[in-house]
C-alpha atoms as a PDB file:
ATOM      1  CA  MET A   1       0.000   0.000   0.000  1.00  0.00           C
ATOM      2  CA  LYS A   2       3.032   2.260   0.223  1.00  0.00           C
ATOM      3  CA  ILE A   3       3.048   2.699  -3.570  1.00  0.00           C
ATOM      4  CA  VAL A   4      -0.618   3.761  -3.496  1.00  0.00           C
ATOM      5  CA  SER A   5       0.218   6.473  -0.952  1.00  0.00           C
ATOM      6  CA  LYS A   6       3.056   7.727  -3.123  1.00  0.00           C
ATOM      7  CA  ILE A   7       0.819   7.811  -6.214  1.00  0.00           C
ATOM      8  CA  GLU A   8      -1.832   9.723  -4.245  1.00  0.00           C
ATOM      9  CA  LEU A   9       0.768  12.246  -3.163  1.00  0.00           C
ATOM     10  CA  LEU A  10       2.039  12.568  -6.724  1.00  0.00           C
ATOM     11  CA  LEU A  11      -1.458  13.172  -8.128  1.00  0.00           C
ATOM     12  CA  ILE A  12      -2.364  15.928  -5.675  1.00  0.00           C
ATOM     13  CA  ALA A  13       1.077  17.519  -6.135  1.00  0.00           C
ATOM     14  CA  LEU A  14       0.723  17.447  -9.934  1.00  0.00           C
ATOM     15  CA  TRP A  15      -2.665  19.138  -9.816  1.00  0.00           C
ATOM     16  CA  LEU A  16      -1.516  21.712  -7.280  1.00  0.00           C
ATOM     17  CA  GLY A  17       1.573  22.470  -9.365  1.00  0.00           C
ATOM     18  CA  ALA A  18      -0.511  22.842 -12.521  1.00  0.00           C
ATOM     19  CA  ALA A  19      -2.989  25.130 -10.765  1.00  0.00           C
ATOM     20  CA  CYS A  20      -0.168  27.285  -9.357  1.00  0.00           C
ATOM     21  CA  PHE A  21       1.573  27.451 -12.730  1.00  0.00           C
ATOM     22  CA  PHE A  22      -1.697  28.436 -14.399  1.00  0.00           C
ATOM     23  CA  SER A  23      -2.442  31.144 -11.814  1.00  0.00           C
ATOM     24  CA  LEU A  24       1.032  32.621 -11.520  1.00  0.00           C
ATOM     25  CA  ALA A  25       2.446  32.162 -15.024  1.00  0.00           C
ATOM     26  CA  VAL A  26       0.004  31.170 -17.757  1.00  0.00           C
ATOM     27  CA  ALA A  27      -2.896  33.563 -17.181  1.00  0.00           C
ATOM     28  CA  PRO A  28      -0.815  36.717 -16.605  1.00  0.00           C
ATOM     29  CA  SER A  29       1.549  35.882 -19.487  1.00  0.00           C
ATOM     30  CA  VAL A  30      -1.231  35.225 -21.975  1.00  0.00           C
ATOM     31  CA  PHE A  31      -2.931  38.532 -21.177  1.00  0.00           C
ATOM     32  CA  ALA A  32       0.425  40.331 -21.434  1.00  0.00           C
ATOM     33  CA  VAL A  33       1.495  38.767 -24.743  1.00  0.00           C
ATOM     34  CA  LEU A  34      -1.571  38.272 -26.911  1.00  0.00           C
ATOM     35  CA  PRO A  35      -2.793  41.352 -28.810  1.00  0.00           C
ATOM     36  CA  SER A  36      -6.459  40.757 -28.039  1.00  0.00           C
ATOM     37  CA  ARG A  37      -8.025  40.317 -24.599  1.00  0.00           C
ATOM     38  CA  GLU A  38     -10.614  38.056 -26.235  1.00  0.00           C
ATOM     39  CA  TRP A  39      -7.939  35.696 -27.548  1.00  0.00           C
ATOM     40  CA  ALA A  40      -6.239  35.709 -24.172  1.00  0.00           C
ATOM     41  CA  GLY A  41      -9.585  34.969 -22.540  1.00  0.00           C
ATOM     42  CA  PHE A  42     -10.125  31.995 -24.862  1.00  0.00           C
ATOM     43  CA  VAL A  43      -6.701  30.551 -24.023  1.00  0.00           C
ATOM     44  CA  VAL A  44      -7.161  31.090 -20.284  1.00  0.00           C
ATOM     45  CA  ASN A  45     -10.685  29.658 -20.375  1.00  0.00           C
ATOM     46  CA  ARG A  46      -9.480  26.545 -22.225  1.00  0.00           C
ATOM     47  CA  THR A  47      -6.576  26.028 -19.830  1.00  0.00           C
ATOM     48  CA  LEU A  48      -8.764  26.632 -16.784  1.00  0.00           C
ATOM     49  CA  THR A  49     -11.199  24.020 -18.104  1.00  0.00           C
ATOM     50  CA  ILE A  50      -8.359  21.470 -18.119  1.00  0.00           C
ATOM     51  CA  ILE A  51      -7.281  22.519 -14.608  1.00  0.00           C
ATOM     52  CA  ASN A  52     -10.824  22.289 -13.243  1.00  0.00           C
ATOM     53  CA  PHE A  53     -11.745  18.947 -14.811  1.00  0.00           C
ATOM     54  CA  SER A  54      -8.429  17.364 -13.861  1.00  0.00           C
ATOM     55  CA  GLY A  55      -8.809  18.665 -10.294  1.00  0.00           C
ATOM     56  CA  LEU A  56     -12.329  17.301 -10.118  1.00  0.00           C
ATOM     57  CA  ILE A  57     -11.295  13.873 -11.412  1.00  0.00           C
ATOM     58  CA  ILE A  58      -8.131  13.617  -9.311  1.00  0.00           C
ATOM     59  CA  SER A  59      -9.833  14.705  -6.095  1.00  0.00           C
ATOM     60  CA  LEU A  60     -12.740  12.301  -6.628  1.00  0.00           C
ATOM     61  CA  ILE A  61     -10.325   9.425  -7.304  1.00  0.00           C
ATOM     62  CA  LEU A  62      -8.270  10.299  -4.212  1.00  0.00           C
ATOM     63  CA  LEU A  63     -11.448  10.644  -2.175  1.00  0.00           C
ATOM     64  CA  ALA A  64     -12.617   7.178  -3.244  1.00  0.00           C
ATOM     65  CA  VAL A  65      -9.187   5.625  -2.609  1.00  0.00           C
ATOM     66  CA  SER A  66      -9.075   7.205   0.861  1.00  0.00           C
ATOM     67  CA  PHE A  67     -11.782   4.770   1.976  1.00  0.00           C
ATOM     68  CA  ILE A  68      -9.524   1.753   1.371  1.00  0.00           C
ATOM     69  CA  PRO A  69      -8.577   0.500   4.850  1.00  0.00           C
ATOM     70  CA  ARG A  70      -4.890   0.944   5.620  1.00  0.00           C
ATOM     71  CA  GLY A  71      -4.717   0.531   9.374  1.00  0.00           C
ATOM     72  CA  GLU A  72      -4.121   4.224  10.052  1.00  0.00           C
ATOM     73  CA  ALA A  73      -3.584   5.052  13.688  1.00  0.00           C
ATOM     74  CA  LYS A  74      -5.402   8.400  13.586  1.00  0.00           C
ATOM     75  CA  LYS A  75      -8.752   8.226  11.817  1.00  0.00           C
ATOM     76  CA  VAL A  76      -9.264  11.943  12.369  1.00  0.00           C
ATOM     77  CA  TRP A  77      -6.464  12.740   9.892  1.00  0.00           C
ATOM     78  CA  ALA A  78      -8.078  10.491   7.297  1.00  0.00           C
ATOM     79  CA  TRP A  79     -11.373  12.354   7.687  1.00  0.00           C
ATOM     80  CA  ILE A  80      -9.701  15.762   7.511  1.00  0.00           C
ATOM     81  CA  GLN A  81      -7.982  14.623   4.311  1.00  0.00           C
ATOM     82  CA  ARG A  82     -11.329  13.469   2.895  1.00  0.00           C
ATOM     83  CA  ILE A  83     -12.979  16.797   3.736  1.00  0.00           C
ATOM     84  CA  LEU A  84     -10.143  18.703   2.066  1.00  0.00           C
ATOM     85  CA  LEU A  85     -10.335  16.504  -1.043  1.00  0.00           C
ATOM     86  CA  PHE A  86     -14.094  17.091  -1.121  1.00  0.00           C
ATOM     87  CA  ILE A  87     -13.439  20.852  -0.994  1.00  0.00           C
ATOM     88  CA  VAL A  88     -11.037  20.519  -3.941  1.00  0.00           C
ATOM     89  CA  ALA A  89     -13.664  18.558  -5.891  1.00  0.00           C
ATOM     90  CA  LEU A  90     -16.357  21.065  -4.972  1.00  0.00           C
ATOM     91  CA  ALA A  91     -14.171  24.038  -5.921  1.00  0.00           C
ATOM     92  CA  CYS A  92     -13.187  22.549  -9.276  1.00  0.00           C
ATOM     93  CA  GLY A  93     -16.721  21.396 -10.042  1.00  0.00           C
ATOM     94  CA  ALA A  94     -18.324  24.702  -9.082  1.00  0.00           C
ATOM     95  CA  GLY A  95     -15.598  26.671 -10.827  1.00  0.00           C
ATOM     96  CA  GLN A  96     -16.180  24.856 -14.085  1.00  0.00           C
ATOM     97  CA  LEU A  97     -19.810  23.746 -14.082  1.00  0.00           C
ATOM     98  CA  ILE A  98     -21.416  26.765 -12.432  1.00  0.00           C
ATOM     99  CA  ILE A  99     -19.137  29.791 -12.611  1.00  0.00           C
ATOM    100  CA  GLY A 100     -17.467  28.880 -15.909  1.00  0.00           C
ATOM    101  CA  LEU A 101     -20.765  28.164 -17.635  1.00  0.00           C
ATOM    102  CA  TYR A 102     -22.300  31.396 -16.340  1.00  0.00           C
ATOM    103  CA  LEU A 103     -19.289  33.402 -17.542  1.00  0.00           C
ATOM    104  CA  GLU A 104     -19.686  31.771 -20.956  1.00  0.00           C
ATOM    105  CA  TYR A 105     -23.395  32.665 -20.935  1.00  0.00           C
ATOM    106  CA  LEU A 106     -22.515  36.290 -20.142  1.00  0.00           C
ATOM    107  CA  ARG A 107     -19.927  36.347 -22.963  1.00  0.00           C
ATOM    108  CA  LYS A 108     -22.477  35.063 -25.451  1.00  0.00           C
ATOM    109  CA  SER A 109     -25.251  37.364 -24.240  1.00  0.00           C
ATOM    110  CA  SER A 110     -23.151  40.435 -24.983  1.00  0.00           C
ATOM    111  CA  GLU A 111     -23.260  41.752 -28.528  1.00  0.00           C
ATOM    112  CA  ILE A 112     -19.698  43.041 -28.271  1.00  0.00           C
ATOM    113  CA  PRO A 113     -16.688  41.583 -26.441  1.00  0.00           C
ATOM    114  CA  ILE A 114     -16.864  41.970 -22.662  1.00  0.00           C
ATOM    115  CA  SER A 115     -13.598  43.929 -22.571  1.00  0.00           C
ATOM    116  CA  LYS A 116     -15.092  46.600 -24.838  1.00  0.00           C
ATOM    117  CA  LEU A 117     -18.170  47.151 -22.686  1.00  0.00           C
ATOM    118  CA  PRO A 118     -18.241  50.254 -20.491  1.00  0.00           C
ATOM    119  CA  ALA A 119     -17.479  49.675 -16.799  1.00  0.00           C
ATOM    120  CA  ASP A 120     -21.047  50.514 -15.752  1.00  0.00           C
ATOM    121  CA  ASN A 121     -22.636  48.001 -18.142  1.00  0.00           C
ATOM    122  CA  PRO A 122     -24.656  45.410 -16.153  1.00  0.00           C
ATOM    123  CA  ILE A 123     -23.231  42.489 -18.143  1.00  0.00           C
ATOM    124  CA  LYS A 124     -19.646  43.670 -17.585  1.00  0.00           C
ATOM    125  CA  MET A 125     -20.320  44.242 -13.879  1.00  0.00           C
ATOM    126  CA  GLN A 126     -21.762  40.736 -13.558  1.00  0.00           C
ATOM    127  CA  PHE A 127     -18.881  39.267 -15.542  1.00  0.00           C
ATOM    128  CA  ASP A 128     -16.304  40.976 -13.326  1.00  0.00           C
ATOM    129  CA  MET A 129     -18.092  39.813 -10.165  1.00  0.00           C
ATOM    130  CA  TRP A 130     -18.333  36.191 -11.365  1.00  0.00           C
ATOM    131  CA  HIS A 131     -14.721  36.310 -12.529  1.00  0.00           C
ATOM    132  CA  GLN A 132     -13.733  37.223  -8.956  1.00  0.00           C
ATOM    133  CA  TYR A 133     -15.791  34.267  -7.709  1.00  0.00           C
ATOM    134  CA  SER A 134     -13.840  32.066 -10.114  1.00  0.00           C
ATOM    135  CA  VAL A 135     -10.532  33.328  -8.746  1.00  0.00           C
ATOM    136  CA  TRP A 136     -11.571  32.819  -5.119  1.00  0.00           C
ATOM    137  CA  VAL A 137     -12.967  29.351  -5.756  1.00  0.00           C
ATOM    138  CA  LEU A 138      -9.714  28.279  -7.447  1.00  0.00           C
ATOM    139  CA  ILE A 139      -7.694  29.717  -4.548  1.00  0.00           C
ATOM    140  CA  ALA A 140      -9.886  27.824  -2.057  1.00  0.00           C
ATOM    141  CA  GLY A 141      -9.327  24.599  -4.013  1.00  0.00           C
ATOM    142  CA  MET A 142      -5.576  25.204  -4.121  1.00  0.00           C
ATOM    143  CA  ILE A 143      -5.395  25.866  -0.367  1.00  0.00           C
ATOM    144  CA  ALA A 144      -7.420  22.717   0.332  1.00  0.00           C
ATOM    145  CA  ALA A 145      -5.129  20.725  -1.999  1.00  0.00           C
ATOM    146  CA  LEU A 146      -2.039  22.101  -0.261  1.00  0.00           C
ATOM    147  CA  LEU A 147      -3.379  21.142   3.161  1.00  0.00           C
ATOM    148  CA  ALA A 148      -4.392  17.707   1.852  1.00  0.00           C
ATOM    149  CA  PHE A 149      -0.881  17.313   0.413  1.00  0.00           C
ATOM    150  CA  PHE A 150       0.673  17.979   3.819  1.00  0.00           C
ATOM    151  CA  ILE A 151      -1.694  15.563   5.551  1.00  0.00           C
ATOM    152  CA  MET A 152      -1.054  12.899   2.911  1.00  0.00           C
ATOM    153  CA  SER A 153       2.706  13.357   3.159  1.00  0.00           C
ATOM    154  CA  ARG A 154       2.487  13.213   6.958  1.00  0.00           C
ATOM    155  CA  SER A 155       0.563   9.939   6.902  1.00  0.00           C
ATOM    156  CA  ASN A 156       2.856   8.623   4.170  1.00  0.00           C
ATOM    157  CA  SER A 157       5.981   9.256   6.231  1.00  0.00           C
ATOM    158  CA  SER A 158       4.554   8.234   9.611  1.00  0.00           C
ATOM    159  CA  GLY A 159       4.156   4.647   8.452  1.00  0.00           C
ATOM    160  CA  SER A 160       7.777   4.410   7.364  1.00  0.00           C
ATOM    161  CA  THR A 161       9.299   5.965  10.460  1.00  0.00           C
ATOM    162  CA  ALA A 162       8.000   3.627  13.107  1.00  0.00           C
ATOM    163  CA  LYS A 163       9.548   3.848  16.546  1.00  0.00           C
ATOM    164  CA  LYS A 164      12.872   2.117  16.525  1.00  0.00           C
ATOM    165  CA  LYS A 165      13.972  -0.323  19.158  1.00  0.00           C
ATOM    166  CA  LYS A 166      17.209   0.117  21.026  1.00  0.00           C
ATOM    167  CA  ASP A 167      18.699  -2.748  18.995  1.00  0.00           C
ATOM    168  CA  ASP A 168      17.883  -0.960  15.722  1.00  0.00           C
ATOM    169  CA  ILE A 169      19.741   2.143  16.811  1.00  0.00           C
ATOM    170  CA  MET A 170      22.744   0.433  18.371  1.00  0.00           C
ATOM    171  CA  PRO A 171      23.036  -3.220  17.413  1.00  0.00           C
ATOM    172  CA  GLU A 172      24.570  -5.650  19.838  1.00  0.00           C
ATOM    173  CA  PHE A 173      27.831  -7.202  18.700  1.00  0.00           C
ATOM    174  CA  ASN A 174      28.524 -10.814  19.628  1.00  0.00           C
ATOM    175  CA  LEU A 175      32.195 -11.626  20.043  1.00  0.00           C
ATOM    176  CA  PRO A 176      33.549 -15.035  19.199  1.00  0.00           C
ATOM    177  CA  ASP A 177      34.110 -17.322  22.223  1.00  0.00           C
ATOM    178  CA  ASP A 178      37.891 -17.094  22.084  1.00  0.00           C
ATOM    179  CA  LEU A 179      37.786 -13.299  22.370  1.00  0.00           C
ATOM    180  CA  LYS A 180      35.368 -13.115  25.290  1.00  0.00           C
ATOM    181  CA  PHE A 181      36.754 -12.137  28.699  1.00  0.00           C
END
């Protein structure tokens, strides 16, 4: 079961790394480089879709696998991990299937690109508000994934560092009979 724990840790770390890279590098770079905010929005929306669906799938898989009995000493940590993984799944699912779809609806309901609407336009105001929700939901999912990562790495290492006996630390040496005093 040690390999399963390592794979779980790898999966949550991969998603967290991808989400951080998207938030800190991809989205700002795309808006800085591409000549059109609409094109940048399309690229960011497509990438965020991949981040959200992969986070949803990974967290649901990890949540299901967390119910496999492993003889953990502290059941409370297992339940905290499950709650955090559920938060990741909820954040990714809501970010994509509720917020993302509503943002797409707002984009399509506007006759001109959202970025060209005046700041006091109701559609632009709604879009900006829901965009902030999207950012906060992704941050909540990332924080939950980070906490789950630490709990998973803690439980992964606690099984391998069992309390050592005195003999494991300082082995006893047996001298041959002719050398004994």
